[in-house]
Amino acid sequence: MDIIQYDDFSKLELRVGRILSARRVEGSDKLVELSVDVGEEAPRTLVAGIGKVYTEDQLTDRKIVVLCNLAPKKLKGIESQGMILAAGETADELALLAPSHDMPVGTRIY
């Protein structure tokens, strides 16, 4: 494990988000395209490898933790504008990270 300094961690902009919609990415058995409200003017598009664990219905309207200041990256031709946080031993048993109680969308996580 690499040790980082607090200044490195403080660069991460983690926010509470709410998944507005989810759809499977064509040609992939695990990628899901999400529309996520993180308290900005418009929702963000995120692509996540959680399709083996979660259905579209299980994801919609769910609150999650989003890394907002990650550089955009194209996955299967879709630009992902952040990253959701999940935990698990393998990609087949991921659990989405979420606030322990109801918090407003866009709330900063420290």
N, C-alpha and C. Protein backbone atom coordinates (compact mmCIF):
# COMPACT_ATOMS: atom_id res chain seq x y z
N MET A 1 0.85 -1.17 0.00
CA MET A 1 0.00 0.00 0.00
C MET A 1 0.89 1.24 0.00
N ASP A 2 0.60 2.14 -0.93
CA ASP A 2 1.33 3.40 -0.98
C ASP A 2 0.72 4.38 0.02
N ILE A 3 1.56 5.05 0.78
CA ILE A 3 1.12 6.05 1.74
C ILE A 3 1.06 7.40 1.01
N ILE A 4 -0.05 8.11 1.21
CA ILE A 4 -0.18 9.45 0.63
C ILE A 4 -0.26 10.47 1.76
N GLN A 5 0.00 11.70 1.42
CA GLN A 5 -0.09 12.78 2.39
C GLN A 5 -1.51 13.32 2.43
N TYR A 6 -1.87 13.99 3.51
CA TYR A 6 -3.20 14.56 3.64
C TYR A 6 -3.50 15.51 2.48
N ASP A 7 -2.52 16.26 2.04
CA ASP A 7 -2.73 17.18 0.92
C ASP A 7 -3.19 16.45 -0.34
N ASP A 8 -2.69 15.21 -0.54
CA ASP A 8 -3.12 14.41 -1.69
C ASP A 8 -4.59 14.02 -1.53
N PHE A 9 -4.95 13.54 -0.35
CA PHE A 9 -6.34 13.16 -0.10
C PHE A 9 -7.29 14.34 -0.23
N SER A 10 -6.87 15.50 0.23
CA SER A 10 -7.75 16.67 0.21
C SER A 10 -8.06 17.14 -1.21
N LYS A 11 -7.30 16.65 -2.20
CA LYS A 11 -7.58 17.00 -3.59
C LYS A 11 -8.81 16.27 -4.13
N LEU A 12 -9.20 15.17 -3.48
CA LEU A 12 -10.35 14.41 -3.94
C LEU A 12 -11.64 15.14 -3.60
N GLU A 13 -12.50 15.33 -4.59
CA GLU A 13 -13.81 15.93 -4.34
C GLU A 13 -14.85 14.81 -4.37
N LEU A 14 -15.19 14.35 -3.17
CA LEU A 14 -16.18 13.30 -3.01
C LEU A 14 -17.51 13.94 -2.62
N ARG A 15 -18.59 13.53 -3.29
CA ARG A 15 -19.90 14.11 -3.03
C ARG A 15 -20.97 13.03 -3.01
N VAL A 16 -22.06 13.31 -2.30
CA VAL A 16 -23.23 12.46 -2.33
C VAL A 16 -23.93 12.67 -3.66
N GLY A 17 -24.23 11.59 -4.34
CA GLY A 17 -24.96 11.65 -5.60
C GLY A 17 -26.19 10.76 -5.55
N ARG A 18 -27.13 11.03 -6.45
CA ARG A 18 -28.32 10.18 -6.58
C ARG A 18 -28.42 9.74 -8.03
N ILE A 19 -28.55 8.44 -8.23
CA ILE A 19 -28.65 7.88 -9.58
C ILE A 19 -30.05 8.17 -10.11
N LEU A 20 -30.11 8.91 -11.21
CA LEU A 20 -31.39 9.26 -11.83
C LEU A 20 -31.85 8.17 -12.78
N SER A 21 -30.90 7.57 -13.50
CA SER A 21 -31.23 6.48 -14.43
C SER A 21 -30.00 5.62 -14.65
N ALA A 22 -30.26 4.39 -15.09
CA ALA A 22 -29.18 3.44 -15.36
C ALA A 22 -29.57 2.61 -16.57
N ARG A 23 -28.60 2.33 -17.42
CA ARG A 23 -28.85 1.45 -18.56
C ARG A 23 -27.57 0.68 -18.88
N ARG A 24 -27.74 -0.55 -19.31
CA ARG A 24 -26.60 -1.39 -19.69
C ARG A 24 -25.90 -0.80 -20.92
N VAL A 25 -24.59 -0.91 -20.94
CA VAL A 25 -23.81 -0.47 -22.08
C VAL A 25 -23.77 -1.62 -23.09
N GLU A 26 -24.19 -1.34 -24.31
CA GLU A 26 -24.22 -2.36 -25.35
C GLU A 26 -22.82 -2.92 -25.59
N GLY A 27 -22.75 -4.24 -25.68
CA GLY A 27 -21.47 -4.90 -25.95
C GLY A 27 -20.64 -5.19 -24.71
N SER A 28 -21.21 -4.95 -23.53
CA SER A 28 -20.49 -5.22 -22.28
C SER A 28 -21.41 -5.96 -21.32
N ASP A 29 -20.86 -6.94 -20.62
CA ASP A 29 -21.67 -7.67 -19.64
C ASP A 29 -21.61 -7.04 -18.24
N LYS A 30 -20.73 -6.04 -18.05
CA LYS A 30 -20.64 -5.45 -16.72
C LYS A 30 -20.80 -3.94 -16.67
N LEU A 31 -20.61 -3.24 -17.79
CA LEU A 31 -20.67 -1.77 -17.76
C LEU A 31 -22.11 -1.27 -17.76
N VAL A 32 -22.35 -0.26 -16.93
CA VAL A 32 -23.65 0.39 -16.83
C VAL A 32 -23.42 1.90 -16.97
N GLU A 33 -24.23 2.55 -17.81
CA GLU A 33 -24.19 4.00 -17.95
C GLU A 33 -25.19 4.60 -16.98
N LEU A 34 -24.71 5.51 -16.14
CA LEU A 34 -25.54 6.12 -15.11
C LEU A 34 -25.68 7.62 -15.36
N SER A 35 -26.84 8.15 -15.09
CA SER A 35 -27.04 9.60 -15.03
C SER A 35 -27.15 9.92 -13.54
N VAL A 36 -26.26 10.77 -13.04
CA VAL A 36 -26.15 10.99 -11.60
C VAL A 36 -26.23 12.47 -11.27
N ASP A 37 -27.09 12.80 -10.33
CA ASP A 37 -27.21 14.16 -9.80
C ASP A 37 -26.23 14.29 -8.64
N VAL A 38 -25.27 15.22 -8.77
CA VAL A 38 -24.32 15.49 -7.69
C VAL A 38 -24.45 16.94 -7.21
N GLY A 39 -25.63 17.53 -7.45
CA GLY A 39 -25.89 18.89 -6.97
C GLY A 39 -25.42 19.98 -7.91
N GLU A 40 -25.11 19.64 -9.14
CA GLU A 40 -24.69 20.63 -10.13
C GLU A 40 -25.87 21.00 -11.02
N GLU A 41 -25.64 21.92 -11.93
CA GLU A 41 -26.70 22.39 -12.83
C GLU A 41 -27.29 21.25 -13.66
N ALA A 42 -26.44 20.35 -14.12
CA ALA A 42 -26.89 19.22 -14.95
C ALA A 42 -26.34 17.91 -14.38
N PRO A 43 -27.05 16.80 -14.60
CA PRO A 43 -26.53 15.50 -14.14
C PRO A 43 -25.24 15.13 -14.87
N ARG A 44 -24.47 14.28 -14.25
CA ARG A 44 -23.24 13.76 -14.86
C ARG A 44 -23.51 12.37 -15.41
N THR A 45 -22.76 12.02 -16.45
CA THR A 45 -22.77 10.65 -16.97
C THR A 45 -21.57 9.93 -16.38
N LEU A 46 -21.83 8.78 -15.78
CA LEU A 46 -20.77 7.95 -15.24
C LEU A 46 -20.94 6.55 -15.81
N VAL A 47 -19.83 5.89 -16.10
CA VAL A 47 -19.85 4.51 -16.56
C VAL A 47 -19.17 3.68 -15.49
N ALA A 48 -19.87 2.64 -15.02
CA ALA A 48 -19.35 1.83 -13.91
C ALA A 48 -19.45 0.35 -14.24
N GLY A 49 -18.49 -0.41 -13.78
CA GLY A 49 -18.45 -1.86 -14.01
C GLY A 49 -19.19 -2.63 -12.94
N ILE A 50 -20.46 -2.33 -12.76
CA ILE A 50 -21.26 -2.94 -11.69
C ILE A 50 -22.45 -3.75 -12.22
N GLY A 51 -22.49 -3.97 -13.53
CA GLY A 51 -23.64 -4.63 -14.15
C GLY A 51 -23.81 -6.10 -13.81
N LYS A 52 -22.79 -6.76 -13.30
CA LYS A 52 -22.92 -8.16 -12.89
C LYS A 52 -23.55 -8.27 -11.50
N VAL A 53 -23.55 -7.17 -10.77
CA VAL A 53 -24.03 -7.18 -9.38
C VAL A 53 -25.38 -6.49 -9.23
N TYR A 54 -25.59 -5.42 -10.00
CA TYR A 54 -26.79 -4.60 -9.85
C TYR A 54 -27.58 -4.53 -11.16
N THR A 55 -28.92 -4.54 -11.03
CA THR A 55 -29.78 -4.31 -12.18
C THR A 55 -30.06 -2.80 -12.27
N GLU A 56 -30.60 -2.39 -13.40
CA GLU A 56 -30.95 -0.98 -13.59
C GLU A 56 -31.94 -0.53 -12.51
N ASP A 57 -32.91 -1.37 -12.21
CA ASP A 57 -33.92 -1.02 -11.21
C ASP A 57 -33.32 -0.88 -9.82
N GLN A 58 -32.34 -1.70 -9.49
CA GLN A 58 -31.69 -1.61 -8.17
C GLN A 58 -30.86 -0.34 -8.03
N LEU A 59 -30.44 0.23 -9.14
CA LEU A 59 -29.58 1.41 -9.10
C LEU A 59 -30.37 2.72 -9.11
N THR A 60 -31.47 2.76 -9.82
CA THR A 60 -32.22 4.00 -9.98
C THR A 60 -32.73 4.52 -8.65
N ASP A 61 -32.51 5.80 -8.41
CA ASP A 61 -32.92 6.54 -7.21
C ASP A 61 -32.07 6.23 -5.97
N ARG A 62 -30.98 5.52 -6.15
CA ARG A 62 -30.10 5.16 -5.04
C ARG A 62 -29.09 6.28 -4.80
N LYS A 63 -28.81 6.57 -3.53
CA LYS A 63 -27.75 7.53 -3.19
C LYS A 63 -26.43 6.79 -3.08
N ILE A 64 -25.37 7.45 -3.57
CA ILE A 64 -24.05 6.85 -3.66
C ILE A 64 -23.00 7.90 -3.35
N VAL A 65 -21.74 7.48 -3.31
CA VAL A 65 -20.60 8.39 -3.17
C VAL A 65 -19.92 8.47 -4.53
N VAL A 66 -19.66 9.72 -4.98
CA VAL A 66 -19.08 9.95 -6.30
C VAL A 66 -17.79 10.75 -6.17
N LEU A 67 -16.75 10.30 -6.86
CA LEU A 67 -15.52 11.08 -7.01
C LEU A 67 -15.74 11.99 -8.21
N CYS A 68 -15.87 13.30 -7.94
CA CYS A 68 -16.30 14.25 -8.98
C CYS A 68 -15.16 14.87 -9.77
N ASN A 69 -13.97 14.97 -9.22
CA ASN A 69 -12.91 15.67 -9.94
C ASN A 69 -11.89 14.73 -10.60
N LEU A 70 -12.34 13.56 -10.98
CA LEU A 70 -11.52 12.64 -11.74
C LEU A 70 -11.56 13.05 -13.21
N ALA A 71 -10.45 13.01 -13.89
CA ALA A 71 -10.43 13.37 -15.31
C ALA A 71 -11.38 12.47 -16.09
N PRO A 72 -12.15 13.03 -17.03
CA PRO A 72 -13.07 12.23 -17.83
C PRO A 72 -12.33 11.14 -18.61
N LYS A 73 -13.03 10.01 -18.82
CA LYS A 73 -12.45 8.90 -19.56
C LYS A 73 -13.54 8.25 -20.39
N LYS A 74 -13.22 7.89 -21.64
CA LYS A 74 -14.19 7.22 -22.50
C LYS A 74 -14.12 5.72 -22.29
N LEU A 75 -15.28 5.13 -22.07
CA LEU A 75 -15.42 3.68 -21.94
C LEU A 75 -16.50 3.25 -22.92
N LYS A 76 -16.15 2.39 -23.85
CA LYS A 76 -17.09 1.93 -24.89
C LYS A 76 -17.73 3.12 -25.61
N GLY A 77 -16.95 4.17 -25.81
CA GLY A 77 -17.42 5.33 -26.54
C GLY A 77 -18.24 6.32 -25.73
N ILE A 78 -18.41 6.08 -24.43
CA ILE A 78 -19.19 6.96 -23.56
C ILE A 78 -18.23 7.66 -22.61
N GLU A 79 -18.31 8.99 -22.53
CA GLU A 79 -17.43 9.72 -21.62
C GLU A 79 -17.96 9.64 -20.19
N SER A 80 -17.17 9.06 -19.32
CA SER A 80 -17.50 8.97 -17.90
C SER A 80 -16.93 10.19 -17.19
N GLN A 81 -17.78 10.91 -16.46
CA GLN A 81 -17.40 12.18 -15.84
C GLN A 81 -17.27 12.05 -14.33
N GLY A 82 -16.64 11.01 -13.88
CA GLY A 82 -16.44 10.78 -12.46
C GLY A 82 -16.40 9.29 -12.19
N MET A 83 -16.44 8.92 -10.92
CA MET A 83 -16.38 7.52 -10.54
C MET A 83 -17.22 7.28 -9.30
N ILE A 84 -17.99 6.21 -9.32
CA ILE A 84 -18.71 5.84 -8.10
C ILE A 84 -17.76 5.01 -7.24
N LEU A 85 -17.97 5.01 -5.94
CA LEU A 85 -17.12 4.23 -5.05
C LEU A 85 -17.85 2.97 -4.63
N ALA A 86 -17.12 1.86 -4.66
CA ALA A 86 -17.67 0.56 -4.28
C ALA A 86 -16.57 -0.23 -3.59
N ALA A 87 -16.99 -1.23 -2.82
CA ALA A 87 -16.03 -2.09 -2.12
C ALA A 87 -16.36 -3.54 -2.42
N GLY A 88 -15.34 -4.40 -2.39
CA GLY A 88 -15.55 -5.82 -2.60
C GLY A 88 -14.25 -6.54 -2.85
N GLU A 89 -14.27 -7.83 -2.62
CA GLU A 89 -13.09 -8.66 -2.86
C GLU A 89 -12.87 -8.88 -4.35
N THR A 90 -13.97 -8.99 -5.11
CA THR A 90 -13.90 -9.18 -6.56
C THR A 90 -14.95 -8.29 -7.22
N ALA A 91 -14.85 -8.17 -8.53
CA ALA A 91 -15.81 -7.35 -9.28
C ALA A 91 -17.21 -7.97 -9.28
N ASP A 92 -17.33 -9.23 -8.90
CA ASP A 92 -18.63 -9.90 -8.86
C ASP A 92 -19.35 -9.75 -7.53
N GLU A 93 -18.73 -9.11 -6.56
CA GLU A 93 -19.38 -8.96 -5.25
C GLU A 93 -19.20 -7.54 -4.71
N LEU A 94 -19.40 -6.56 -5.56
CA LEU A 94 -19.22 -5.18 -5.17
C LEU A 94 -20.41 -4.65 -4.38
N ALA A 95 -20.12 -3.81 -3.41
CA ALA A 95 -21.16 -3.10 -2.65
C ALA A 95 -20.91 -1.60 -2.84
N LEU A 96 -21.93 -0.89 -3.26
CA LEU A 96 -21.81 0.55 -3.46
C LEU A 96 -21.67 1.25 -2.12
N LEU A 97 -20.78 2.24 -2.05
CA LEU A 97 -20.65 3.04 -0.83
C LEU A 97 -21.71 4.13 -0.85
N ALA A 98 -22.30 4.37 0.31
CA ALA A 98 -23.39 5.34 0.42
C ALA A 98 -23.36 5.95 1.82
N PRO A 99 -23.95 7.13 1.98
CA PRO A 99 -24.04 7.72 3.32
C PRO A 99 -24.87 6.81 4.23
N SER A 100 -24.54 6.82 5.51
CA SER A 100 -25.26 5.96 6.46
C SER A 100 -26.65 6.48 6.80
N HIS A 101 -26.91 7.76 6.52
CA HIS A 101 -28.26 8.31 6.69
C HIS A 101 -28.52 9.30 5.55
N ASP A 102 -29.78 9.71 5.42
CA ASP A 102 -30.16 10.54 4.28
C ASP A 102 -29.42 11.88 4.35
N MET A 103 -28.76 12.21 3.25
CA MET A 103 -28.04 13.47 3.12
C MET A 103 -28.44 14.11 1.79
N PRO A 104 -28.42 15.44 1.71
CA PRO A 104 -28.75 16.10 0.45
C PRO A 104 -27.75 15.76 -0.66
N VAL A 105 -28.26 15.63 -1.87
CA VAL A 105 -27.41 15.44 -3.04
C VAL A 105 -26.43 16.61 -3.12
N GLY A 106 -25.17 16.30 -3.43
CA GLY A 106 -24.15 17.32 -3.55
C GLY A 106 -23.35 17.56 -2.27
N THR A 107 -23.78 16.97 -1.16
CA THR A 107 -23.06 17.15 0.10
C THR A 107 -21.62 16.67 -0.06
N ARG A 108 -20.68 17.49 0.34
CA ARG A 108 -19.25 17.16 0.25
C ARG A 108 -18.89 16.14 1.33
N ILE A 109 -18.06 15.19 0.96
CA ILE A 109 -17.59 14.15 1.88
C ILE A 109 -16.13 14.43 2.18
N TYR A 110 -15.81 14.48 3.46
CA TYR A 110 -14.43 14.79 3.89
C TYR A 110 -13.78 13.62 4.53
